[in-house]
Amino acid sequence: MDEYTWPTVAEVPAELLHRRWAATVAALPLGASITGEVIGRQPFGVFIRVDGVPDAMALAEITVIPQGMGLPEFGTRVIGEVIDHAEHNHQVRVRLLEWAAPAG
């Protein structure tokens, strides 16, 4: 697998993100704690599938990852906090707090 990956269309159907945006924002208000799994990884941050809110797409940009920590690997379980809602692309912005390397 490449070091960097995008979430697949099957994992993140754009039309579903759009239709469920209001419910996603209601379920994940600013300051909410989240847990989830890294499903995409780019030099600028990681995409996260949020536990309990399957129609949400979260993004933790490199600027909100604790200093000195590298990007979590694909498949890593993460814990974070909702810091913003990006209406234009239906992404929940997250500050990562901790994570553990994926099993295997």
Protein backbone atom coordinates (compact mmCIF):
# COMPACT_ATOMS: atom_id res chain seq x y z
CA MET A 1 0.00 0.00 0.00
CA ASP A 2 1.20 3.53 -0.76
CA GLU A 3 2.10 5.78 2.16
CA TYR A 4 -0.75 8.11 1.16
CA THR A 5 -4.29 7.05 0.30
CA TRP A 6 -7.63 8.71 -0.33
CA PRO A 7 -10.86 7.33 1.19
CA THR A 8 -12.67 5.22 -1.40
CA VAL A 9 -16.01 6.21 -2.88
CA ALA A 10 -17.55 3.13 -1.24
CA GLU A 11 -16.40 4.37 2.18
CA VAL A 12 -17.45 7.97 1.57
CA PRO A 13 -20.31 8.38 -0.92
CA ALA A 14 -20.39 12.14 -1.59
CA GLU A 15 -24.15 12.24 -2.16
CA LEU A 16 -24.77 10.60 1.21
CA LEU A 17 -22.45 13.09 2.95
CA HIS A 18 -24.46 15.91 1.37
CA ARG A 19 -27.90 14.49 2.25
CA ARG A 20 -26.90 13.69 5.86
CA TRP A 21 -24.94 16.91 6.55
CA ALA A 22 -27.50 18.49 8.92
CA ALA A 23 -27.76 15.25 10.92
CA THR A 24 -23.97 14.97 11.03
CA VAL A 25 -23.57 18.51 12.39
CA ALA A 26 -26.27 17.84 15.01
CA ALA A 27 -24.61 14.56 16.06
CA LEU A 28 -21.11 16.08 16.19
CA PRO A 29 -21.34 19.61 17.63
CA LEU A 30 -18.26 21.75 18.27
CA GLY A 31 -16.33 20.36 21.22
CA ALA A 32 -17.73 16.83 20.87
CA SER A 33 -15.34 13.96 21.51
CA ILE A 34 -14.98 11.46 18.69
CA THR A 35 -13.35 8.10 18.17
CA GLY A 36 -12.79 6.54 14.79
CA GLU A 37 -10.49 4.90 12.27
CA VAL A 38 -8.13 6.49 9.76
CA ILE A 39 -9.50 5.63 6.30
CA GLY A 40 -7.34 7.97 4.21
CA ARG A 41 -3.97 9.62 4.63
CA GLN A 42 -2.44 12.57 2.77
CA PRO A 43 0.54 14.85 3.51
CA PHE A 44 -1.88 17.49 4.84
CA GLY A 45 -3.73 15.21 7.30
CA VAL A 46 -5.90 12.14 7.80
CA PHE A 47 -9.50 11.28 6.97
CA ILE A 48 -11.47 9.51 9.70
CA ARG A 49 -14.56 7.31 9.75
CA VAL A 50 -16.32 8.40 12.95
CA ASP A 51 -17.69 5.71 15.25
CA GLY A 52 -21.47 5.91 15.64
CA VAL A 53 -21.88 8.43 12.81
CA PRO A 54 -21.22 6.36 9.68
CA ASP A 55 -22.36 9.12 7.31
CA ALA A 56 -19.72 11.55 8.61
CA MET A 57 -16.34 12.32 7.08
CA ALA A 58 -13.83 13.82 9.49
CA LEU A 59 -10.51 15.41 8.64
CA ALA A 60 -7.63 16.07 11.04
CA GLU A 61 -5.18 18.38 9.31
CA ILE A 62 -1.49 18.29 10.14
CA THR A 63 -1.83 21.65 11.93
CA VAL A 64 -4.05 20.08 14.63
CA ILE A 65 -1.90 17.02 15.33
CA PRO A 66 0.18 17.24 18.51
CA GLN A 67 3.65 18.62 17.84
CA GLY A 68 6.28 15.95 17.39
CA MET A 69 3.76 13.28 16.41
CA GLY A 70 3.67 11.94 12.87
CA LEU A 71 0.52 11.32 10.88
CA PRO A 72 -1.38 8.26 12.11
CA GLU A 73 -1.15 5.29 9.75
CA PHE A 74 -4.03 3.93 7.67
CA GLY A 75 -6.29 1.82 9.93
CA THR A 76 -5.20 3.53 13.17
CA ARG A 77 -7.83 4.09 15.88
CA VAL A 78 -7.92 7.75 16.94
CA ILE A 79 -9.52 9.98 19.58
CA GLY A 80 -10.20 13.63 18.87
CA GLU A 81 -12.38 16.69 19.35
CA VAL A 82 -14.64 18.44 16.81
CA ILE A 83 -13.28 21.93 16.10
CA ASP A 84 -15.16 22.99 12.96
CA HIS A 85 -17.74 22.04 10.32
CA ALA A 86 -16.73 22.65 6.69
CA GLU A 87 -20.03 23.21 4.89
CA HIS A 88 -18.48 23.47 1.40
CA ASN A 89 -17.22 19.86 1.41
CA HIS A 90 -19.26 18.37 4.27
CA GLN A 91 -16.26 17.56 6.46
CA VAL A 92 -16.10 17.59 10.23
CA ARG A 93 -12.75 19.08 11.24
CA VAL A 94 -11.10 17.33 14.17
CA ARG A 95 -8.17 17.99 16.50
CA LEU A 96 -6.48 14.68 17.26
CA LEU A 97 -5.75 13.96 20.91
CA GLU A 98 -4.33 10.43 20.84
CA TRP A 99 -4.01 7.29 18.76
CA ALA A 100 -2.51 3.83 18.78
CA ALA A 101 -0.82 2.00 15.94
CA PRO A 102 -3.09 -0.44 14.07
CA ALA A 103 -2.87 -4.09 15.09
CA GLY A 104 -0.79 -6.31 12.86
